[in-house]
PDB file of N, CA and C in Angstrom:
ATOM      1  N   MET A   1      19.676   8.266  11.592  1.00  0.00           N
ATOM      2  CA  MET A   1      20.999   8.427  12.125  1.00  0.00           C
ATOM      3  C   MET A   1      20.992   8.247  13.645  1.00  0.00           C
ATOM      4  N   ILE A   2      19.961   8.770  14.288  1.00  0.00           N
ATOM      5  CA  ILE A   2      19.870   8.645  15.737  1.00  0.00           C
ATOM      6  C   ILE A   2      19.666   7.185  16.129  1.00  0.00           C
ATOM      7  N   VAL A   3      18.859   6.472  15.340  1.00  0.00           N
ATOM      8  CA  VAL A   3      18.637   5.047  15.621  1.00  0.00           C
ATOM      9  C   VAL A   3      19.950   4.289  15.557  1.00  0.00           C
ATOM     10  N   LEU A   4      20.761   4.595  14.557  1.00  0.00           N
ATOM     11  CA  LEU A   4      22.065   3.948  14.412  1.00  0.00           C
ATOM     12  C   LEU A   4      22.950   4.212  15.628  1.00  0.00           C
ATOM     13  N   LEU A   5      22.992   5.456  16.064  1.00  0.00           N
ATOM     14  CA  LEU A   5      23.818   5.803  17.226  1.00  0.00           C
ATOM     15  C   LEU A   5      23.332   5.136  18.509  1.00  0.00           C
ATOM     16  N   VAL A   6      22.038   5.133  18.710  1.00  0.00           N
ATOM     17  CA  VAL A   6      21.495   4.525  19.930  1.00  0.00           C
ATOM     18  C   VAL A   6      21.751   3.025  19.943  1.00  0.00           C
ATOM     19  N   LEU A   7      21.479   2.356  18.843  1.00  0.00           N
ATOM     20  CA  LEU A   7      21.664   0.908  18.806  1.00  0.00           C
ATOM     21  C   LEU A   7      23.137   0.518  18.908  1.00  0.00           C
ATOM     22  N   PHE A   8      23.992   1.261  18.233  1.00  0.00           N
ATOM     23  CA  PHE A   8      25.411   0.919  18.213  1.00  0.00           C
ATOM     24  C   PHE A   8      26.101   1.306  19.518  1.00  0.00           C
ATOM     25  N   SER A   9      25.830   2.487  20.032  1.00  0.00           N
ATOM     26  CA  SER A   9      26.548   2.984  21.202  1.00  0.00           C
ATOM     27  C   SER A   9      25.945   2.521  22.518  1.00  0.00           C
ATOM     28  N   MET A  10      24.648   2.723  22.680  1.00  0.00           N
ATOM     29  CA  MET A  10      24.025   2.453  23.973  1.00  0.00           C
ATOM     30  C   MET A  10      23.657   0.988  24.165  1.00  0.00           C
ATOM     31  N   LEU A  11      23.145   0.358  23.133  1.00  0.00           N
ATOM     32  CA  LEU A  11      22.691  -1.024  23.266  1.00  0.00           C
ATOM     33  C   LEU A  11      23.727  -2.047  22.837  1.00  0.00           C
ATOM     34  N   ARG A  12      24.872  -1.581  22.355  1.00  0.00           N
ATOM     35  CA  ARG A  12      26.017  -2.439  21.985  1.00  0.00           C
ATOM     36  C   ARG A  12      25.683  -3.445  20.889  1.00  0.00           C
ATOM     37  N   TRP A  13      24.853  -3.031  19.917  1.00  0.00           N
ATOM     38  CA  TRP A  13      24.617  -3.858  18.748  1.00  0.00           C
ATOM     39  C   TRP A  13      25.836  -3.758  17.849  1.00  0.00           C
ATOM     40  N   THR A  14      25.990  -4.718  16.952  1.00  0.00           N
ATOM     41  CA  THR A  14      27.076  -4.612  15.976  1.00  0.00           C
ATOM     42  C   THR A  14      26.739  -3.509  14.984  1.00  0.00           C
ATOM     43  N   LEU A  15      27.745  -3.021  14.309  1.00  0.00           N
ATOM     44  CA  LEU A  15      27.531  -1.933  13.358  1.00  0.00           C
ATOM     45  C   LEU A  15      26.617  -2.370  12.225  1.00  0.00           C
ATOM     46  N   THR A  16      26.777  -3.591  11.743  1.00  0.00           N
ATOM     47  CA  THR A  16      25.941  -4.091  10.648  1.00  0.00           C
ATOM     48  C   THR A  16      24.483  -4.206  11.074  1.00  0.00           C
ATOM     49  N   ALA A  17      24.244  -4.777  12.238  1.00  0.00           N
ATOM     50  CA  ALA A  17      22.870  -4.942  12.716  1.00  0.00           C
ATOM     51  C   ALA A  17      22.211  -3.594  12.979  1.00  0.00           C
ATOM     52  N   SER A  18      22.936  -2.670  13.575  1.00  0.00           N
ATOM     53  CA  SER A  18      22.349  -1.360  13.852  1.00  0.00           C
ATOM     54  C   SER A  18      22.117  -0.576  12.552  1.00  0.00           C
ATOM     55  N   ALA A  19      22.995  -0.735  11.568  1.00  0.00           N
ATOM     56  CA  ALA A  19      22.801  -0.061  10.281  1.00  0.00           C
ATOM     57  C   ALA A  19      21.575  -0.618   9.563  1.00  0.00           C
ATOM     58  N   LEU A  20      21.383  -1.928   9.601  1.00  0.00           N
ATOM     59  CA  LEU A  20      20.198  -2.524   8.979  1.00  0.00           C
ATOM     60  C   LEU A  20      18.924  -2.077   9.677  1.00  0.00           C
ATOM     61  N   ALA A  21      18.947  -1.989  10.987  1.00  0.00           N
ATOM     62  CA  ALA A  21      17.778  -1.530  11.727  1.00  0.00           C
ATOM     63  C   ALA A  21      17.494  -0.057  11.453  1.00  0.00           C
ATOM     64  N   ALA A  22      18.530   0.728  11.227  1.00  0.00           N
ATOM     65  CA  ALA A  22      18.344   2.149  10.952  1.00  0.00           C
ATOM     66  C   ALA A  22      17.858   2.392   9.524  1.00  0.00           C
ATOM     67  N   VAL A  23      18.216   1.521   8.589  1.00  0.00           N
ATOM     68  CA  VAL A  23      17.835   1.695   7.193  1.00  0.00           C
ATOM     69  C   VAL A  23      16.430   1.147   6.922  1.00  0.00           C
ATOM     70  N   ALA A  24      15.925   0.270   7.760  1.00  0.00           N
ATOM     71  CA  ALA A  24      14.625  -0.358   7.532  1.00  0.00           C
ATOM     72  C   ALA A  24      13.481   0.651   7.391  1.00  0.00           C
ATOM     73  N   PRO A  25      13.331   1.651   8.270  1.00  0.00           N
ATOM     74  CA  PRO A  25      12.233   2.620   8.060  1.00  0.00           C
ATOM     75  C   PRO A  25      12.370   3.404   6.756  1.00  0.00           C
ATOM     76  N   LEU A  26      13.587   3.751   6.390  1.00  0.00           N
ATOM     77  CA  LEU A  26      13.807   4.456   5.134  1.00  0.00           C
ATOM     78  C   LEU A  26      13.410   3.572   3.952  1.00  0.00           C
ATOM     79  N   ALA A  27      13.737   2.308   4.014  1.00  0.00           N
ATOM     80  CA  ALA A  27      13.377   1.381   2.934  1.00  0.00           C
ATOM     81  C   ALA A  27      11.861   1.235   2.818  1.00  0.00           C
ATOM     82  N   VAL A  28      11.162   1.189   3.940  1.00  0.00           N
ATOM     83  CA  VAL A  28       9.705   1.072   3.915  1.00  0.00           C
ATOM     84  C   VAL A  28       9.078   2.319   3.292  1.00  0.00           C
ATOM     85  N   VAL A  29       9.572   3.495   3.663  1.00  0.00           N
ATOM     86  CA  VAL A  29       9.048   4.743   3.113  1.00  0.00           C
ATOM     87  C   VAL A  29       9.314   4.824   1.609  1.00  0.00           C
ATOM     88  N   LEU A  30      10.507   4.461   1.174  1.00  0.00           N
ATOM     89  CA  LEU A  30      10.818   4.495  -0.253  1.00  0.00           C
ATOM     90  C   LEU A  30       9.979   3.492  -1.039  1.00  0.00           C
ATOM     91  N   LEU A  31       9.745   2.323  -0.470  1.00  0.00           N
ATOM     92  CA  LEU A  31       8.879   1.332  -1.110  1.00  0.00           C
ATOM     93  C   LEU A  31       7.464   1.878  -1.260  1.00  0.00           C
ATOM     94  N   TYR A  32       6.969   2.543  -0.221  1.00  0.00           N
ATOM     95  CA  TYR A  32       5.632   3.134  -0.289  1.00  0.00           C
ATOM     96  C   TYR A  32       5.563   4.220  -1.370  1.00  0.00           C
ATOM     97  N   ILE A  33       6.550   5.088  -1.398  1.00  0.00           N
ATOM     98  CA  ILE A  33       6.533   6.198  -2.356  1.00  0.00           C
ATOM     99  C   ILE A  33       6.618   5.688  -3.788  1.00  0.00           C
ATOM    100  N   PHE A  34       7.609   4.850  -4.071  1.00  0.00           N
ATOM    101  CA  PHE A  34       7.807   4.409  -5.444  1.00  0.00           C
ATOM    102  C   PHE A  34       6.859   3.290  -5.859  1.00  0.00           C
ATOM    103  N   GLY A  35       6.302   2.564  -4.911  1.00  0.00           N
ATOM    104  CA  GLY A  35       5.378   1.484  -5.253  1.00  0.00           C
ATOM    105  C   GLY A  35       3.931   1.899  -5.321  1.00  0.00           C
ATOM    106  N   PHE A  36       3.533   2.877  -4.504  1.00  0.00           N
ATOM    107  CA  PHE A  36       2.119   3.214  -4.406  1.00  0.00           C
ATOM    108  C   PHE A  36       1.778   4.660  -4.747  1.00  0.00           C
ATOM    109  N   ARG A  37       2.751   5.542  -4.868  1.00  0.00           N
ATOM    110  CA  ARG A  37       2.447   6.951  -5.117  1.00  0.00           C
ATOM    111  C   ARG A  37       2.992   7.474  -6.439  1.00  0.00           C
ATOM    112  N   GLN A  38       4.232   7.182  -6.727  1.00  0.00           N
ATOM    113  CA  GLN A  38       4.907   7.747  -7.899  1.00  0.00           C
ATOM    114  C   GLN A  38       4.267   7.238  -9.186  1.00  0.00           C
ATOM    115  N   GLY A  39       3.723   8.135  -9.984  1.00  0.00           N
ATOM    116  CA  GLY A  39       3.159   7.764 -11.272  1.00  0.00           C
ATOM    117  C   GLY A  39       1.788   7.123 -11.214  1.00  0.00           C
ATOM    118  N   LYS A  40       1.162   7.122 -10.075  1.00  0.00           N
ATOM    119  CA  LYS A  40      -0.167   6.521  -9.931  1.00  0.00           C
ATOM    120  C   LYS A  40      -1.208   7.635  -9.807  1.00  0.00           C
ATOM    121  N   PRO A  41      -2.483   7.337 -10.090  1.00  0.00           N
ATOM    122  CA  PRO A  41      -3.528   8.348  -9.937  1.00  0.00           C
ATOM    123  C   PRO A  41      -3.719   8.734  -8.466  1.00  0.00           C
ATOM    124  N   ALA A  42      -4.323   9.882  -8.262  1.00  0.00           N
ATOM    125  CA  ALA A  42      -4.585  10.343  -6.891  1.00  0.00           C
ATOM    126  C   ALA A  42      -5.517   9.362  -6.182  1.00  0.00           C
ATOM    127  N   GLY A  43      -5.201   9.003  -4.959  1.00  0.00           N
ATOM    128  CA  GLY A  43      -6.024   8.091  -4.170  1.00  0.00           C
ATOM    129  C   GLY A  43      -5.775   6.628  -4.453  1.00  0.00           C
ATOM    130  N   TYR A  44      -4.824   6.301  -5.325  1.00  0.00           N
ATOM    131  CA  TYR A  44      -4.554   4.903  -5.673  1.00  0.00           C
ATOM    132  C   TYR A  44      -4.134   4.098  -4.444  1.00  0.00           C
ATOM    133  N   ASP A  45      -3.243   4.671  -3.634  1.00  0.00           N
ATOM    134  CA  ASP A  45      -2.750   3.952  -2.467  1.00  0.00           C
ATOM    135  C   ASP A  45      -3.863   3.699  -1.462  1.00  0.00           C
ATOM    136  N   ARG A  46      -4.707   4.700  -1.216  1.00  0.00           N
ATOM    137  CA  ARG A  46      -5.801   4.521  -0.265  1.00  0.00           C
ATOM    138  C   ARG A  46      -6.811   3.502  -0.775  1.00  0.00           C
ATOM    139  N   ASP A  47      -7.117   3.558  -2.062  1.00  0.00           N
ATOM    140  CA  ASP A  47      -8.056   2.595  -2.637  1.00  0.00           C
ATOM    141  C   ASP A  47      -7.516   1.172  -2.571  1.00  0.00           C
ATOM    142  N   LEU A  48      -6.227   1.015  -2.827  1.00  0.00           N
ATOM    143  CA  LEU A  48      -5.624  -0.311  -2.791  1.00  0.00           C
ATOM    144  C   LEU A  48      -5.608  -0.874  -1.371  1.00  0.00           C
ATOM    145  N   PHE A  49      -5.251  -0.036  -0.389  1.00  0.00           N
ATOM    146  CA  PHE A  49      -5.261  -0.500   1.000  1.00  0.00           C
ATOM    147  C   PHE A  49      -6.678  -0.811   1.467  1.00  0.00           C
ATOM    148  N   GLU A  50      -7.649  -0.022   1.024  1.00  0.00           N
ATOM    149  CA  GLU A  50      -9.036  -0.290   1.375  1.00  0.00           C
ATOM    150  C   GLU A  50      -9.502  -1.609   0.773  1.00  0.00           C
ATOM    151  N   LEU A  51      -9.075  -1.890  -0.459  1.00  0.00           N
ATOM    152  CA  LEU A  51      -9.413  -3.159  -1.100  1.00  0.00           C
ATOM    153  C   LEU A  51      -8.794  -4.331  -0.346  1.00  0.00           C
ATOM    154  N   TRP A  52      -7.518  -4.184   0.045  1.00  0.00           N
ATOM    155  CA  TRP A  52      -6.837  -5.259   0.774  1.00  0.00           C
ATOM    156  C   TRP A  52      -7.468  -5.502   2.141  1.00  0.00           C
ATOM    157  N   LEU A  53      -7.851  -4.446   2.832  1.00  0.00           N
ATOM    158  CA  LEU A  53      -8.366  -4.593   4.193  1.00  0.00           C
ATOM    159  C   LEU A  53      -9.851  -4.939   4.240  1.00  0.00           C
ATOM    160  N   GLY A  54     -10.633  -4.388   3.314  1.00  0.00           N
ATOM    161  CA  GLY A  54     -12.068  -4.572   3.394  1.00  0.00           C
ATOM    162  C   GLY A  54     -12.679  -5.431   2.319  1.00  0.00           C
ATOM    163  N   GLY A  55     -11.941  -5.829   1.339  1.00  0.00           N
ATOM    164  CA  GLY A  55     -12.487  -6.617   0.244  1.00  0.00           C
ATOM    165  C   GLY A  55     -13.012  -5.731  -0.860  1.00  0.00           C
ATOM    166  N   PRO A  56     -13.629  -6.331  -1.872  1.00  0.00           N
ATOM    167  CA  PRO A  56     -14.044  -5.571  -3.040  1.00  0.00           C
ATOM    168  C   PRO A  56     -15.237  -4.645  -2.789  1.00  0.00           C
ATOM    169  N   GLY A  57     -16.019  -4.889  -1.777  1.00  0.00           N
ATOM    170  CA  GLY A  57     -17.172  -4.035  -1.510  1.00  0.00           C
ATOM    171  C   GLY A  57     -18.266  -4.832  -0.833  1.00  0.00           C
ATOM    172  N   PHE A  58     -19.374  -4.165  -0.581  1.00  0.00           N
ATOM    173  CA  PHE A  58     -20.457  -4.835   0.122  1.00  0.00           C
ATOM    174  C   PHE A  58     -21.490  -5.442  -0.815  1.00  0.00           C
ATOM    175  N   ALA A  59     -21.443  -5.129  -2.099  1.00  0.00           N
ATOM    176  CA  ALA A  59     -22.391  -5.666  -3.071  1.00  0.00           C
ATOM    177  C   ALA A  59     -21.885  -7.007  -3.610  1.00  0.00           C
ATOM    178  N   PRO A  60     -22.785  -7.903  -3.951  1.00  0.00           N
ATOM    179  CA  PRO A  60     -22.350  -9.191  -4.502  1.00  0.00           C
ATOM    180  C   PRO A  60     -21.759  -9.012  -5.892  1.00  0.00           C
ATOM    181  N   GLU A  61     -20.813  -9.858  -6.224  1.00  0.00           N
ATOM    182  CA  GLU A  61     -20.194  -9.850  -7.548  1.00  0.00           C
ATOM    183  C   GLU A  61     -21.092 -10.647  -8.501  1.00  0.00           C
ATOM    184  N   LEU A  62     -21.581 -10.004  -9.544  1.00  0.00           N
ATOM    185  CA  LEU A  62     -22.435 -10.674 -10.509  1.00  0.00           C
ATOM    186  C   LEU A  62     -21.598 -11.160 -11.682  1.00  0.00           C
ATOM    187  N   PRO A  63     -21.840 -12.391 -12.143  1.00  0.00           N
ATOM    188  CA  PRO A  63     -21.055 -12.898 -13.273  1.00  0.00           C
ATOM    189  C   PRO A  63     -21.478 -12.215 -14.577  1.00  0.00           C
ATOM    190  N   GLY A  64     -20.527 -11.993 -15.439  1.00  0.00           N
ATOM    191  CA  GLY A  64     -20.816 -11.398 -16.740  1.00  0.00           C
ATOM    192  C   GLY A  64     -21.047  -9.900 -16.669  1.00  0.00           C
ATOM    193  N   LYS A  65     -21.420  -9.348 -17.813  1.00  0.00           N
ATOM    194  CA  LYS A  65     -21.659  -7.911 -17.906  1.00  0.00           C
ATOM    195  C   LYS A  65     -23.076  -7.602 -17.438  1.00  0.00           C
ATOM    196  N   THR A  66     -23.205  -6.623 -16.593  1.00  0.00           N
ATOM    197  CA  THR A  66     -24.519  -6.223 -16.125  1.00  0.00           C
ATOM    198  C   THR A  66     -24.913  -4.911 -16.788  1.00  0.00           C
ATOM    199  N   THR A  67     -26.206  -4.746 -17.022  1.00  0.00           N
ATOM    200  CA  THR A  67     -26.715  -3.515 -17.611  1.00  0.00           C
ATOM    201  C   THR A  67     -27.760  -2.920 -16.681  1.00  0.00           C
ATOM    202  N   HIS A  68     -27.998  -1.666 -16.842  1.00  0.00           N
ATOM    203  CA  HIS A  68     -29.004  -0.991 -16.042  1.00  0.00           C
ATOM    204  C   HIS A  68     -30.372  -1.431 -16.530  1.00  0.00           C
ATOM    205  N   PRO A  69     -31.333  -1.678 -15.630  1.00  0.00           N
ATOM    206  CA  PRO A  69     -32.647  -2.180 -16.063  1.00  0.00           C
ATOM    207  C   PRO A  69     -33.442  -1.184 -16.911  1.00  0.00           C
ATOM    208  N   LEU A  70     -33.149   0.109 -16.804  1.00  0.00           N
ATOM    209  CA  LEU A  70     -33.887   1.096 -17.582  1.00  0.00           C
ATOM    210  C   LEU A  70     -33.139   1.523 -18.846  1.00  0.00           C
ATOM    211  N   ASP A  71     -32.057   0.832 -19.170  1.00  0.00           N
ATOM    212  CA  ASP A  71     -31.297   1.159 -20.366  1.00  0.00           C
ATOM    213  C   ASP A  71     -32.094   0.766 -21.605  1.00  0.00           C
ATOM    214  N   ASP A  72     -32.302   1.731 -22.536  1.00  0.00           N
ATOM    215  CA  ASP A  72     -33.127   1.478 -23.729  1.00  0.00           C
ATOM    216  C   ASP A  72     -32.476   0.524 -24.724  1.00  0.00           C
ATOM    217  N   SER A  73     -31.156   0.427 -24.736  1.00  0.00           N
ATOM    218  CA  SER A  73     -30.499  -0.427 -25.719  1.00  0.00           C
ATOM    219  C   SER A  73     -30.715  -1.908 -25.450  1.00  0.00           C
ATOM    220  N   SER A  74     -31.186  -2.273 -24.245  1.00  0.00           N
ATOM    221  CA  SER A  74     -31.407  -3.689 -23.945  1.00  0.00           C
ATOM    222  C   SER A  74     -32.761  -4.155 -24.454  1.00  0.00           C
ATOM    223  N   HIS A  75     -33.672  -3.215 -24.826  1.00  0.00           N
ATOM    224  CA  HIS A  75     -34.976  -3.593 -25.362  1.00  0.00           C
ATOM    225  C   HIS A  75     -34.898  -3.755 -26.867  1.00  0.00           C
ATOM    226  N   VAL A  76     -35.800  -4.600 -27.370  1.00  0.00           N
ATOM    227  CA  VAL A  76     -35.845  -4.836 -28.816  1.00  0.00           C
ATOM    228  C   VAL A  76     -36.691  -3.826 -29.518  1.00  0.00           C
TER     229      VAL A  76
END
């Protein structure tokens, strides 16, 4: 509300432009809540942002299914 008043009154923006600028932070917060938090497991948002910023991890991606070398089911 304060952003709307400052932009409209002090900076002489149009009402539409100042309303859009004032609603933008609210829209970002609602997108974050409903897109990354609501109904998701704990830590989902942090894990997703970490994946986007840092990649899948520091270990190489191996093709196919990998098994532990000491797993007894892999021996005959």
